[in-house]
Amino acid sequence: MSKKIMIFEDDAATAEFVEIVARQLGYDATILSKTDNVLNDVLSESPDLILMDNWIPGQGGFSSVELLKSTPVTSAIPIIFYSANTDFKSLAETSKADAILTKPFDISDIEEIIVRLIGQ
């Protein structure tokens, strides 16, 4: 059974790019474009990994990461937190994300982090 990745991204091109990378690595991928119901969405999918954009509609990426990492049933799911913001690193370091990326990122960056966090 393939491992599942949830991609929270509202930019269609970025979401498609990440989905293609995930599928080429052999993972199933689900894209969501908002975080209004992030906890319920994650509970219903039970992903092995989450990729979370910071500037996503709904409660936003940072709050979503904090919620998921503070909820016992979802706290162990690895999260890659990313953004195009130039001051993102300081914000991301205060989050409980397992890895951070600054957009734009290339295929090798995202592949390496995904494989490191959940294997192949």
PDB file of N, CA and C in Angstrom:
ATOM      1  N   MET A   1       0.844  -1.191   0.000  1.00  0.00           N
ATOM      2  CA  MET A   1       0.000   0.000   0.000  1.00  0.00           C
ATOM      3  C   MET A   1       0.887   1.252   0.000  1.00  0.00           C
ATOM      4  N   SER A   2       0.582   2.184  -0.876  1.00  0.00           N
ATOM      5  CA  SER A   2       1.361   3.412  -0.982  1.00  0.00           C
ATOM      6  C   SER A   2       1.154   4.307   0.226  1.00  0.00           C
ATOM      7  N   LYS A   3       2.214   5.030   0.574  1.00  0.00           N
ATOM      8  CA  LYS A   3       2.088   6.027   1.628  1.00  0.00           C
ATOM      9  C   LYS A   3       1.337   7.220   1.057  1.00  0.00           C
ATOM     10  N   LYS A   4       0.627   7.930   1.956  1.00  0.00           N
ATOM     11  CA  LYS A   4      -0.213   9.056   1.538  1.00  0.00           C
ATOM     12  C   LYS A   4       0.393  10.382   1.978  1.00  0.00           C
ATOM     13  N   ILE A   5       0.346  11.335   1.066  1.00  0.00           N
ATOM     14  CA  ILE A   5       0.798  12.691   1.340  1.00  0.00           C
ATOM     15  C   ILE A   5      -0.374  13.638   1.113  1.00  0.00           C
ATOM     16  N   MET A   6      -0.604  14.533   2.075  1.00  0.00           N
ATOM     17  CA  MET A   6      -1.600  15.597   1.909  1.00  0.00           C
ATOM     18  C   MET A   6      -0.855  16.893   1.631  1.00  0.00           C
ATOM     19  N   ILE A   7      -1.290  17.587   0.599  1.00  0.00           N
ATOM     20  CA  ILE A   7      -0.672  18.841   0.185  1.00  0.00           C
ATOM     21  C   ILE A   7      -1.691  19.952   0.393  1.00  0.00           C
ATOM     22  N   PHE A   8      -1.391  20.858   1.319  1.00  0.00           N
ATOM     23  CA  PHE A   8      -2.254  22.018   1.554  1.00  0.00           C
ATOM     24  C   PHE A   8      -1.627  23.198   0.821  1.00  0.00           C
ATOM     25  N   GLU A   9      -2.179  23.515  -0.352  1.00  0.00           N
ATOM     26  CA  GLU A   9      -1.615  24.537  -1.232  1.00  0.00           C
ATOM     27  C   GLU A   9      -2.719  25.124  -2.087  1.00  0.00           C
ATOM     28  N   ASP A  10      -2.831  26.471  -2.106  1.00  0.00           N
ATOM     29  CA  ASP A  10      -3.877  27.114  -2.897  1.00  0.00           C
ATOM     30  C   ASP A  10      -3.409  27.548  -4.279  1.00  0.00           C
ATOM     31  N   ASP A  11      -2.121  27.521  -4.541  1.00  0.00           N
ATOM     32  CA  ASP A  11      -1.604  27.852  -5.864  1.00  0.00           C
ATOM     33  C   ASP A  11      -1.576  26.569  -6.700  1.00  0.00           C
ATOM     34  N   ALA A  12      -2.361  26.542  -7.769  1.00  0.00           N
ATOM     35  CA  ALA A  12      -2.530  25.320  -8.560  1.00  0.00           C
ATOM     36  C   ALA A  12      -1.213  24.804  -9.140  1.00  0.00           C
ATOM     37  N   ALA A  13      -0.364  25.698  -9.619  1.00  0.00           N
ATOM     38  CA  ALA A  13       0.898  25.267 -10.224  1.00  0.00           C
ATOM     39  C   ALA A  13       1.817  24.618  -9.189  1.00  0.00           C
ATOM     40  N   THR A  14       1.910  25.226  -8.011  1.00  0.00           N
ATOM     41  CA  THR A  14       2.741  24.648  -6.950  1.00  0.00           C
ATOM     42  C   THR A  14       2.169  23.320  -6.485  1.00  0.00           C
ATOM     43  N   ALA A  15       0.859  23.267  -6.311  1.00  0.00           N
ATOM     44  CA  ALA A  15       0.211  22.024  -5.877  1.00  0.00           C
ATOM     45  C   ALA A  15       0.468  20.905  -6.881  1.00  0.00           C
ATOM     46  N   GLU A  16       0.341  21.211  -8.158  1.00  0.00           N
ATOM     47  CA  GLU A  16       0.567  20.203  -9.192  1.00  0.00           C
ATOM     48  C   GLU A  16       2.025  19.748  -9.206  1.00  0.00           C
ATOM     49  N   PHE A  17       2.954  20.686  -9.046  1.00  0.00           N
ATOM     50  CA  PHE A  17       4.380  20.361  -9.002  1.00  0.00           C
ATOM     51  C   PHE A  17       4.674  19.390  -7.861  1.00  0.00           C
ATOM     52  N   VAL A  18       4.181  19.704  -6.669  1.00  0.00           N
ATOM     53  CA  VAL A  18       4.422  18.854  -5.501  1.00  0.00           C
ATOM     54  C   VAL A  18       3.742  17.495  -5.680  1.00  0.00           C
ATOM     55  N   GLU A  19       2.542  17.498  -6.236  1.00  0.00           N
ATOM     56  CA  GLU A  19       1.836  16.235  -6.475  1.00  0.00           C
ATOM     57  C   GLU A  19       2.614  15.346  -7.442  1.00  0.00           C
ATOM     58  N   ILE A  20       3.151  15.919  -8.497  1.00  0.00           N
ATOM     59  CA  ILE A  20       3.939  15.150  -9.466  1.00  0.00           C
ATOM     60  C   ILE A  20       5.173  14.553  -8.800  1.00  0.00           C
ATOM     61  N   VAL A  21       5.870  15.347  -8.002  1.00  0.00           N
ATOM     62  CA  VAL A  21       7.047  14.842  -7.287  1.00  0.00           C
ATOM     63  C   VAL A  21       6.656  13.678  -6.381  1.00  0.00           C
ATOM     64  N   ALA A  22       5.577  13.842  -5.629  1.00  0.00           N
ATOM     65  CA  ALA A  22       5.125  12.787  -4.714  1.00  0.00           C
ATOM     66  C   ALA A  22       4.783  11.510  -5.476  1.00  0.00           C
ATOM     67  N   ARG A  23       4.058  11.644  -6.552  1.00  0.00           N
ATOM     68  CA  ARG A  23       3.654  10.457  -7.330  1.00  0.00           C
ATOM     69  C   ARG A  23       4.854   9.786  -8.001  1.00  0.00           C
ATOM     70  N   GLN A  24       5.831  10.574  -8.460  1.00  0.00           N
ATOM     71  CA  GLN A  24       7.038   9.988  -9.053  1.00  0.00           C
ATOM     72  C   GLN A  24       7.843   9.199  -8.023  1.00  0.00           C
ATOM     73  N   LEU A  25       7.724   9.574  -6.760  1.00  0.00           N
ATOM     74  CA  LEU A  25       8.391   8.839  -5.687  1.00  0.00           C
ATOM     75  C   LEU A  25       7.572   7.628  -5.231  1.00  0.00           C
ATOM     76  N   GLY A  26       6.366   7.466  -5.787  1.00  0.00           N
ATOM     77  CA  GLY A  26       5.543   6.312  -5.475  1.00  0.00           C
ATOM     78  C   GLY A  26       4.498   6.523  -4.395  1.00  0.00           C
ATOM     79  N   TYR A  27       4.237   7.772  -4.031  1.00  0.00           N
ATOM     80  CA  TYR A  27       3.253   8.074  -2.998  1.00  0.00           C
ATOM     81  C   TYR A  27       1.909   8.452  -3.620  1.00  0.00           C
ATOM     82  N   ASP A  28       0.838   8.231  -2.869  1.00  0.00           N
ATOM     83  CA  ASP A  28      -0.459   8.787  -3.223  1.00  0.00           C
ATOM     84  C   ASP A  28      -0.472  10.227  -2.724  1.00  0.00           C
ATOM     85  N   ALA A  29      -1.136  11.118  -3.433  1.00  0.00           N
ATOM     86  CA  ALA A  29      -1.169  12.522  -3.027  1.00  0.00           C
ATOM     87  C   ALA A  29      -2.583  13.076  -3.121  1.00  0.00           C
ATOM     88  N   THR A  30      -2.938  13.881  -2.122  1.00  0.00           N
ATOM     89  CA  THR A  30      -4.221  14.573  -2.081  1.00  0.00           C
ATOM     90  C   THR A  30      -3.937  16.059  -1.915  1.00  0.00           C
ATOM     91  N   ILE A  31      -4.602  16.890  -2.709  1.00  0.00           N
ATOM     92  CA  ILE A  31      -4.413  18.340  -2.632  1.00  0.00           C
ATOM     93  C   ILE A  31      -5.653  18.977  -2.032  1.00  0.00           C
ATOM     94  N   LEU A  32      -5.433  19.867  -1.061  1.00  0.00           N
ATOM     95  CA  LEU A  32      -6.511  20.689  -0.505  1.00  0.00           C
ATOM     96  C   LEU A  32      -6.079  22.140  -0.612  1.00  0.00           C
ATOM     97  N   SER A  33      -7.016  23.021  -0.992  1.00  0.00           N
ATOM     98  CA  SER A  33      -6.664  24.414  -1.258  1.00  0.00           C
ATOM     99  C   SER A  33      -7.017  25.368  -0.120  1.00  0.00           C
ATOM    100  N   LYS A  34      -7.449  24.833   1.020  1.00  0.00           N
ATOM    101  CA  LYS A  34      -7.744  25.682   2.175  1.00  0.00           C
ATOM    102  C   LYS A  34      -7.634  24.850   3.450  1.00  0.00           C
ATOM    103  N   THR A  35      -7.589  25.543   4.571  1.00  0.00           N
ATOM    104  CA  THR A  35      -7.402  24.871   5.862  1.00  0.00           C
ATOM    105  C   THR A  35      -8.568  25.103   6.813  1.00  0.00           C
ATOM    106  N   ASP A  36      -9.742  25.411   6.282  1.00  0.00           N
ATOM    107  CA  ASP A  36     -10.904  25.657   7.141  1.00  0.00           C
ATOM    108  C   ASP A  36     -11.202  24.486   8.068  1.00  0.00           C
ATOM    109  N   ASN A  37     -11.050  23.267   7.565  1.00  0.00           N
ATOM    110  CA  ASN A  37     -11.347  22.053   8.336  1.00  0.00           C
ATOM    111  C   ASN A  37     -10.124  21.150   8.404  1.00  0.00           C
ATOM    112  N   VAL A  38      -8.962  21.746   8.633  1.00  0.00           N
ATOM    113  CA  VAL A  38      -7.706  21.005   8.525  1.00  0.00           C
ATOM    114  C   VAL A  38      -7.665  19.763   9.414  1.00  0.00           C
ATOM    115  N   LEU A  39      -8.118  19.863  10.638  1.00  0.00           N
ATOM    116  CA  LEU A  39      -8.056  18.707  11.534  1.00  0.00           C
ATOM    117  C   LEU A  39      -8.946  17.576  11.025  1.00  0.00           C
ATOM    118  N   ASN A  40     -10.178  17.885  10.663  1.00  0.00           N
ATOM    119  CA  ASN A  40     -11.081  16.861  10.129  1.00  0.00           C
ATOM    120  C   ASN A  40     -10.561  16.281   8.815  1.00  0.00           C
ATOM    121  N   ASP A  41     -10.003  17.143   7.961  1.00  0.00           N
ATOM    122  CA  ASP A  41      -9.454  16.669   6.688  1.00  0.00           C
ATOM    123  C   ASP A  41      -8.322  15.670   6.925  1.00  0.00           C
ATOM    124  N   VAL A  42      -7.432  16.006   7.846  1.00  0.00           N
ATOM    125  CA  VAL A  42      -6.303  15.124   8.145  1.00  0.00           C
ATOM    126  C   VAL A  42      -6.785  13.834   8.798  1.00  0.00           C
ATOM    127  N   LEU A  43      -7.722  13.937   9.714  1.00  0.00           N
ATOM    128  CA  LEU A  43      -8.245  12.732  10.361  1.00  0.00           C
ATOM    129  C   LEU A  43      -8.920  11.802   9.354  1.00  0.00           C
ATOM    130  N   SER A  44      -9.605  12.358   8.369  1.00  0.00           N
ATOM    131  CA  SER A  44     -10.298  11.511   7.390  1.00  0.00           C
ATOM    132  C   SER A  44      -9.334  10.851   6.403  1.00  0.00           C
ATOM    133  N   GLU A  45      -8.198  11.476   6.125  1.00  0.00           N
ATOM    134  CA  GLU A  45      -7.228  10.936   5.163  1.00  0.00           C
ATOM    135  C   GLU A  45      -6.149  10.072   5.813  1.00  0.00           C
ATOM    136  N   SER A  46      -5.825  10.347   7.077  1.00  0.00           N
ATOM    137  CA  SER A  46      -4.734   9.654   7.783  1.00  0.00           C
ATOM    138  C   SER A  46      -3.448   9.619   6.949  1.00  0.00           C
ATOM    139  N   PRO A  47      -2.909  10.788   6.603  1.00  0.00           N
ATOM    140  CA  PRO A  47      -1.714  10.805   5.754  1.00  0.00           C
ATOM    141  C   PRO A  47      -0.457  10.395   6.520  1.00  0.00           C
ATOM    142  N   ASP A  48       0.556   9.995   5.757  1.00  0.00           N
ATOM    143  CA  ASP A  48       1.862   9.688   6.330  1.00  0.00           C
ATOM    144  C   ASP A  48       2.725  10.941   6.412  1.00  0.00           C
ATOM    145  N   LEU A  49       2.372  11.971   5.640  1.00  0.00           N
ATOM    146  CA  LEU A  49       3.130  13.216   5.578  1.00  0.00           C
ATOM    147  C   LEU A  49       2.203  14.330   5.121  1.00  0.00           C
ATOM    148  N   ILE A  50       2.457  15.539   5.632  1.00  0.00           N
ATOM    149  CA  ILE A  50       1.693  16.728   5.238  1.00  0.00           C
ATOM    150  C   ILE A  50       2.664  17.779   4.728  1.00  0.00           C
ATOM    151  N   LEU A  51       2.326  18.409   3.605  1.00  0.00           N
ATOM    152  CA  LEU A  51       3.035  19.589   3.129  1.00  0.00           C
ATOM    153  C   LEU A  51       2.084  20.761   3.298  1.00  0.00           C
ATOM    154  N   MET A  52       2.533  21.804   3.989  1.00  0.00           N
ATOM    155  CA  MET A  52       1.664  22.921   4.356  1.00  0.00           C
ATOM    156  C   MET A  52       2.266  24.250   3.923  1.00  0.00           C
ATOM    157  N   ASP A  53       1.548  24.954   3.046  1.00  0.00           N
ATOM    158  CA  ASP A  53       1.932  26.309   2.665  1.00  0.00           C
ATOM    159  C   ASP A  53       1.538  27.260   3.791  1.00  0.00           C
ATOM    160  N   ASN A  54       2.345  28.272   4.027  1.00  0.00           N
ATOM    161  CA  ASN A  54       2.029  29.234   5.082  1.00  0.00           C
ATOM    162  C   ASN A  54       0.842  30.117   4.711  1.00  0.00           C
ATOM    163  N   TRP A  55       0.805  30.611   3.476  1.00  0.00           N
ATOM    164  CA  TRP A  55      -0.248  31.543   3.066  1.00  0.00           C
ATOM    165  C   TRP A  55      -1.349  30.795   2.334  1.00  0.00           C
ATOM    166  N   ILE A  56      -2.140  30.057   3.077  1.00  0.00           N
ATOM    167  CA  ILE A  56      -3.232  29.282   2.506  1.00  0.00           C
ATOM    168  C   ILE A  56      -4.534  29.756   3.138  1.00  0.00           C
ATOM    169  N   PRO A  57      -5.610  29.875   2.362  1.00  0.00           N
ATOM    170  CA  PRO A  57      -6.883  30.330   2.931  1.00  0.00           C
ATOM    171  C   PRO A  57      -7.377  29.424   4.060  1.00  0.00           C
ATOM    172  N   GLY A  58      -8.158  30.021   4.917  1.00  0.00           N
ATOM    173  CA  GLY A  58      -8.671  29.316   6.093  1.00  0.00           C
ATOM    174  C   GLY A  58      -7.945  29.827   7.315  1.00  0.00           C
ATOM    175  N   GLN A  59      -7.561  28.928   8.183  1.00  0.00           N
ATOM    176  CA  GLN A  59      -6.858  29.378   9.385  1.00  0.00           C
ATOM    177  C   GLN A  59      -5.375  29.615   9.143  1.00  0.00           C
ATOM    178  N   GLY A  60      -4.898  29.338   7.941  1.00  0.00           N
ATOM    179  CA  GLY A  60      -3.513  29.601   7.591  1.00  0.00           C
ATOM    180  C   GLY A  60      -2.587  28.461   7.965  1.00  0.00           C
ATOM    181  N   GLY A  61      -1.414  28.484   7.359  1.00  0.00           N
ATOM    182  CA  GLY A  61      -0.460  27.406   7.550  1.00  0.00           C
ATOM    183  C   GLY A  61       0.104  27.299   8.947  1.00  0.00           C
ATOM    184  N   PHE A  62       0.557  28.417   9.509  1.00  0.00           N
ATOM    185  CA  PHE A  62       1.180  28.377  10.833  1.00  0.00           C
ATOM    186  C   PHE A  62       0.208  27.843  11.874  1.00  0.00           C
ATOM    187  N   SER A  63      -1.003  28.387  11.905  1.00  0.00           N
ATOM    188  CA  SER A  63      -2.008  27.924  12.872  1.00  0.00           C
ATOM    189  C   SER A  63      -2.373  26.463  12.642  1.00  0.00           C
ATOM    190  N   SER A  64      -2.406  26.051  11.397  1.00  0.00           N
ATOM    191  CA  SER A  64      -2.725  24.658  11.084  1.00  0.00           C
ATOM    192  C   SER A  64      -1.635  23.716  11.584  1.00  0.00           C
ATOM    193  N   VAL A  65      -0.375  24.097  11.371  1.00  0.00           N
ATOM    194  CA  VAL A  65       0.738  23.280  11.878  1.00  0.00           C
ATOM    195  C   VAL A  65       0.654  23.178  13.394  1.00  0.00           C
ATOM    196  N   GLU A  66       0.431  24.310  14.049  1.00  0.00           N
ATOM    197  CA  GLU A  66       0.334  24.305  15.511  1.00  0.00           C
ATOM    198  C   GLU A  66      -0.809  23.413  15.995  1.00  0.00           C
ATOM    199  N   LEU A  67      -1.961  23.505  15.347  1.00  0.00           N
ATOM    200  CA  LEU A  67      -3.109  22.678  15.726  1.00  0.00           C
ATOM    201  C   LEU A  67      -2.800  21.193  15.550  1.00  0.00           C
ATOM    202  N   LEU A  68      -2.275  20.828  14.396  1.00  0.00           N
ATOM    203  CA  LEU A  68      -1.998  19.417  14.118  1.00  0.00           C
ATOM    204  C   LEU A  68      -0.925  18.854  15.047  1.00  0.00           C
ATOM    205  N   LYS A  69       0.079  19.646  15.370  1.00  0.00           N
ATOM    206  CA  LYS A  69       1.156  19.174  16.240  1.00  0.00           C
ATOM    207  C   LYS A  69       0.747  19.149  17.710  1.00  0.00           C
ATOM    208  N   SER A  70      -0.297  19.886  18.076  1.00  0.00           N
ATOM    209  CA  SER A  70      -0.751  19.884  19.473  1.00  0.00           C
ATOM    210  C   SER A  70      -1.923  18.928  19.711  1.00  0.00           C
ATOM    211  N   THR A  71      -2.401  18.278  18.669  1.00  0.00           N
ATOM    212  CA  THR A  71      -3.490  17.303  18.786  1.00  0.00           C
ATOM    213  C   THR A  71      -2.865  15.909  18.845  1.00  0.00           C
ATOM    214  N   PRO A  72      -3.074  15.178  19.943  1.00  0.00           N
ATOM    215  CA  PRO A  72      -2.382  13.892  20.115  1.00  0.00           C
ATOM    216  C   PRO A  72      -2.492  12.927  18.935  1.00  0.00           C
ATOM    217  N   VAL A  73      -3.650  12.812  18.340  1.00  0.00           N
ATOM    218  CA  VAL A  73      -3.837  11.828  17.268  1.00  0.00           C
ATOM    219  C   VAL A  73      -3.131  12.218  15.958  1.00  0.00           C
ATOM    220  N   THR A  74      -2.775  13.486  15.788  1.00  0.00           N
ATOM    221  CA  THR A  74      -2.094  13.929  14.566  1.00  0.00           C
ATOM    222  C   THR A  74      -0.670  14.425  14.817  1.00  0.00           C
ATOM    223  N   SER A  75      -0.252  14.502  16.062  1.00  0.00           N
ATOM    224  CA  SER A  75       1.034  15.125  16.395  1.00  0.00           C
ATOM    225  C   SER A  75       2.249  14.406  15.815  1.00  0.00           C
ATOM    226  N   ALA A  76       2.153  13.119  15.560  1.00  0.00           N
ATOM    227  CA  ALA A  76       3.301  12.363  15.047  1.00  0.00           C
ATOM    228  C   ALA A  76       3.420  12.414  13.523  1.00  0.00           C
ATOM    229  N   ILE A  77       2.433  12.985  12.846  1.00  0.00           N
ATOM    230  CA  ILE A  77       2.503  13.071  11.380  1.00  0.00           C
ATOM    231  C   ILE A  77       3.538  14.133  11.006  1.00  0.00           C
ATOM    232  N   PRO A  78       4.568  13.764  10.238  1.00  0.00           N
ATOM    233  CA  PRO A  78       5.565  14.757   9.834  1.00  0.00           C
ATOM    234  C   PRO A  78       4.936  15.835   8.948  1.00  0.00           C
ATOM    235  N   ILE A  79       5.372  17.076   9.179  1.00  0.00           N
ATOM    236  CA  ILE A  79       4.870  18.210   8.396  1.00  0.00           C
ATOM    237  C   ILE A  79       6.043  18.977   7.802  1.00  0.00           C
ATOM    238  N   ILE A  80       5.972  19.210   6.491  1.00  0.00           N
ATOM    239  CA  ILE A  80       6.903  20.103   5.804  1.00  0.00           C
ATOM    240  C   ILE A  80       6.161  21.422   5.626  1.00  0.00           C
ATOM    241  N   PHE A  81       6.699  22.480   6.212  1.00  0.00           N
ATOM    242  CA  PHE A  81       6.079  23.802   6.215  1.00  0.00           C
ATOM    243  C   PHE A  81       6.868  24.678   5.251  1.00  0.00           C
ATOM    244  N   TYR A  82       6.181  25.379   4.346  1.00  0.00           N
ATOM    245  CA  TYR A  82       6.903  26.170   3.355  1.00  0.00           C
ATOM    246  C   TYR A  82       6.176  27.466   3.015  1.00  0.00           C
ATOM    247  N   SER A  83       6.939  28.412   2.447  1.00  0.00           N
ATOM    248  CA  SER A  83       6.388  29.706   2.054  1.00  0.00           C
ATOM    249  C   SER A  83       7.358  30.423   1.125  1.00  0.00           C
ATOM    250  N   ALA A  84       6.845  31.428   0.435  1.00  0.00           N
ATOM    251  CA  ALA A  84       7.682  32.281  -0.401  1.00  0.00           C
ATOM    252  C   ALA A  84       8.150  33.525   0.349  1.00  0.00           C
ATOM    253  N   ASN A  85       7.661  33.735   1.563  1.00  0.00           N
ATOM    254  CA  ASN A  85       8.039  34.915   2.342  1.00  0.00           C
ATOM    255  C   ASN A  85       9.530  34.947   2.626  1.00  0.00           C
ATOM    256  N   THR A  86      10.120  36.121   2.518  1.00  0.00           N
ATOM    257  CA  THR A  86      11.548  36.238   2.801  1.00  0.00           C
ATOM    258  C   THR A  86      11.846  36.123   4.294  1.00  0.00           C
ATOM    259  N   ASP A  87      10.906  36.486   5.148  1.00  0.00           N
ATOM    260  CA  ASP A  87      11.113  36.388   6.596  1.00  0.00           C
ATOM    261  C   ASP A  87      10.498  35.108   7.172  1.00  0.00           C
ATOM    262  N   PHE A  88      10.242  34.141   6.318  1.00  0.00           N
ATOM    263  CA  PHE A  88       9.557  32.917   6.717  1.00  0.00           C
ATOM    264  C   PHE A  88      10.371  32.056   7.681  1.00  0.00           C
ATOM    265  N   LYS A  89      11.675  32.008   7.510  1.00  0.00           N
ATOM    266  CA  LYS A  89      12.500  31.108   8.330  1.00  0.00           C
ATOM    267  C   LYS A  89      12.309  31.346   9.815  1.00  0.00           C
ATOM    268  N   SER A  90      12.280  32.597  10.254  1.00  0.00           N
ATOM    269  CA  SER A  90      12.121  32.864  11.689  1.00  0.00           C
ATOM    270  C   SER A  90      10.754  32.409  12.184  1.00  0.00           C
ATOM    271  N   LEU A  91       9.717  32.607  11.393  1.00  0.00           N
ATOM    272  CA  LEU A  91       8.382  32.134  11.755  1.00  0.00           C
ATOM    273  C   LEU A  91       8.357  30.610  11.793  1.00  0.00           C
ATOM    274  N   ALA A  92       8.898  29.993  10.765  1.00  0.00           N
ATOM    275  CA  ALA A  92       8.871  28.532  10.666  1.00  0.00           C
ATOM    276  C   ALA A  92       9.628  27.871  11.807  1.00  0.00           C
ATOM    277  N   GLU A  93      10.717  28.473  12.227  1.00  0.00           N
ATOM    278  CA  GLU A  93      11.502  27.891  13.314  1.00  0.00           C
ATOM    279  C   GLU A  93      10.740  27.887  14.631  1.00  0.00           C
ATOM    280  N   THR A  94       9.756  28.771  14.786  1.00  0.00           N
ATOM    281  CA  THR A  94       8.945  28.762  16.008  1.00  0.00           C
ATOM    282  C   THR A  94       7.779  27.784  15.904  1.00  0.00           C
ATOM    283  N   SER A  95       7.529  27.283  14.714  1.00  0.00           N
ATOM    284  CA  SER A  95       6.467  26.286  14.549  1.00  0.00           C
ATOM    285  C   SER A  95       7.005  24.928  14.984  1.00  0.00           C
ATOM    286  N   LYS A  96       6.147  23.956  15.000  1.00  0.00           N
ATOM    287  CA  LYS A  96       6.556  22.607  15.380  1.00  0.00           C
ATOM    288  C   LYS A  96       6.729  21.718  14.149  1.00  0.00           C
ATOM    289  N   ALA A  97       6.904  22.338  12.984  1.00  0.00           N
ATOM    290  CA  ALA A  97       7.059  21.573  11.748  1.00  0.00           C
ATOM    291  C   ALA A  97       8.333  20.733  11.796  1.00  0.00           C
ATOM    292  N   ASP A  98       8.310  19.628  11.087  1.00  0.00           N
ATOM    293  CA  ASP A  98       9.454  18.723  11.054  1.00  0.00           C
ATOM    294  C   ASP A  98      10.514  19.171  10.056  1.00  0.00           C
ATOM    295  N   ALA A  99      10.120  19.955   9.065  1.00  0.00           N
ATOM    296  CA  ALA A  99      11.051  20.482   8.070  1.00  0.00           C
ATOM    297  C   ALA A  99      10.457  21.762   7.496  1.00  0.00           C
ATOM    298  N   ILE A 100      11.342  22.643   7.028  1.00  0.00           N
ATOM    299  CA  ILE A 100      10.890  23.887   6.411  1.00  0.00           C
ATOM    300  C   ILE A 100      11.562  24.055   5.051  1.00  0.00           C
ATOM    301  N   LEU A 101      10.839  24.682   4.147  1.00  0.00           N
ATOM    302  CA  LEU A 101      11.342  24.985   2.811  1.00  0.00           C
ATOM    303  C   LEU A 101      10.920  26.398   2.450  1.00  0.00           C
ATOM    304  N   THR A 102      11.763  27.077   1.705  1.00  0.00           N
ATOM    305  CA  THR A 102      11.413  28.388   1.183  1.00  0.00           C
ATOM    306  C   THR A 102      11.172  28.249  -0.315  1.00  0.00           C
ATOM    307  N   LYS A 103      10.014  28.762  -0.778  1.00  0.00           N
ATOM    308  CA  LYS A 103       9.706  28.738  -2.214  1.00  0.00           C
ATOM    309  C   LYS A 103      10.487  29.857  -2.896  1.00  0.00           C
ATOM    310  N   PRO A 104      10.903  29.669  -4.104  1.00  0.00           N
ATOM    311  CA  PRO A 104      10.736  28.444  -4.884  1.00  0.00           C
ATOM    312  C   PRO A 104      11.734  27.373  -4.435  1.00  0.00           C
ATOM    313  N   PHE A 105      11.304  26.133  -4.464  1.00  0.00           N
ATOM    314  CA  PHE A 105      12.201  25.028  -4.146  1.00  0.00           C
ATOM    315  C   PHE A 105      12.286  24.126  -5.368  1.00  0.00           C
ATOM    316  N   ASP A 106      13.373  23.364  -5.454  1.00  0.00           N
ATOM    317  CA  ASP A 106      13.494  22.495  -6.618  1.00  0.00           C
ATOM    318  C   ASP A 106      13.183  21.045  -6.251  1.00  0.00           C
ATOM    319  N   ILE A 107      13.107  20.226  -7.251  1.00  0.00           N
ATOM    320  CA  ILE A 107      12.699  18.835  -7.068  1.00  0.00           C
ATOM    321  C   ILE A 107      13.595  18.116  -6.075  1.00  0.00           C
ATOM    322  N   SER A 108      14.901  18.296  -6.189  1.00  0.00           N
ATOM    323  CA  SER A 108      15.807  17.558  -5.302  1.00  0.00           C
ATOM    324  C   SER A 108      15.608  17.940  -3.841  1.00  0.00           C
ATOM    325  N   ASP A 109      15.310  19.212  -3.565  1.00  0.00           N
ATOM    326  CA  ASP A 109      15.066  19.641  -2.180  1.00  0.00           C
ATOM    327  C   ASP A 109      13.859  18.926  -1.591  1.00  0.00           C
ATOM    328  N   ILE A 110      12.765  18.942  -2.306  1.00  0.00           N
ATOM    329  CA  ILE A 110      11.540  18.353  -1.766  1.00  0.00           C
ATOM    330  C   ILE A 110      11.627  16.827  -1.724  1.00  0.00           C
ATOM    331  N   GLU A 111      12.253  16.227  -2.736  1.00  0.00           N
ATOM    332  CA  GLU A 111      12.419  14.767  -2.719  1.00  0.00           C
ATOM    333  C   GLU A 111      13.234  14.322  -1.509  1.00  0.00           C
ATOM    334  N   GLU A 112      14.325  15.003  -1.257  1.00  0.00           N
ATOM    335  CA  GLU A 112      15.211  14.627  -0.149  1.00  0.00           C
ATOM    336  C   GLU A 112      14.482  14.694   1.185  1.00  0.00           C
ATOM    337  N   ILE A 113      13.712  15.745   1.392  1.00  0.00           N
ATOM    338  CA  ILE A 113      13.006  15.901   2.666  1.00  0.00           C
ATOM    339  C   ILE A 113      11.897  14.862   2.803  1.00  0.00           C
ATOM    340  N   ILE A 114      11.136  14.626   1.754  1.00  0.00           N
ATOM    341  CA  ILE A 114      10.063  13.628   1.821  1.00  0.00           C
ATOM    342  C   ILE A 114      10.645  12.255   2.158  1.00  0.00           C
ATOM    343  N   VAL A 115      11.677  11.846   1.438  1.00  0.00           N
ATOM    344  CA  VAL A 115      12.277  10.528   1.669  1.00  0.00           C
ATOM    345  C   VAL A 115      12.877  10.448   3.073  1.00  0.00           C
ATOM    346  N   ARG A 116      13.502  11.518   3.531  1.00  0.00           N
ATOM    347  CA  ARG A 116      14.077  11.525   4.884  1.00  0.00           C
ATOM    348  C   ARG A 116      12.998  11.363   5.943  1.00  0.00           C
ATOM    349  N   LEU A 117      11.847  11.990   5.737  1.00  0.00           N
ATOM    350  CA  LEU A 117      10.792  11.953   6.754  1.00  0.00           C
ATOM    351  C   LEU A 117       9.955  10.677   6.738  1.00  0.00           C
ATOM    352  N   ILE A 118       9.689  10.115   5.560  1.00  0.00           N
ATOM    353  CA  ILE A 118       8.812   8.929   5.536  1.00  0.00           C
ATOM    354  C   ILE A 118       9.358   7.752   4.738  1.00  0.00           C
ATOM    355  N   GLY A 119      10.580   7.848   4.249  1.00  0.00           N
ATOM    356  CA  GLY A 119      11.141   6.725   3.506  1.00  0.00           C
ATOM    357  C   GLY A 119      10.548   6.602   2.121  1.00  0.00           C
ATOM    358  N   GLN A 120      10.894   5.488   1.477  1.00  0.00           N
ATOM    359  CA  GLN A 120      10.395   5.296   0.114  1.00  0.00           C
ATOM    360  C   GLN A 120       9.651   4.025  -0.047  1.00  0.00           C
TER     361      GLN A 120
END
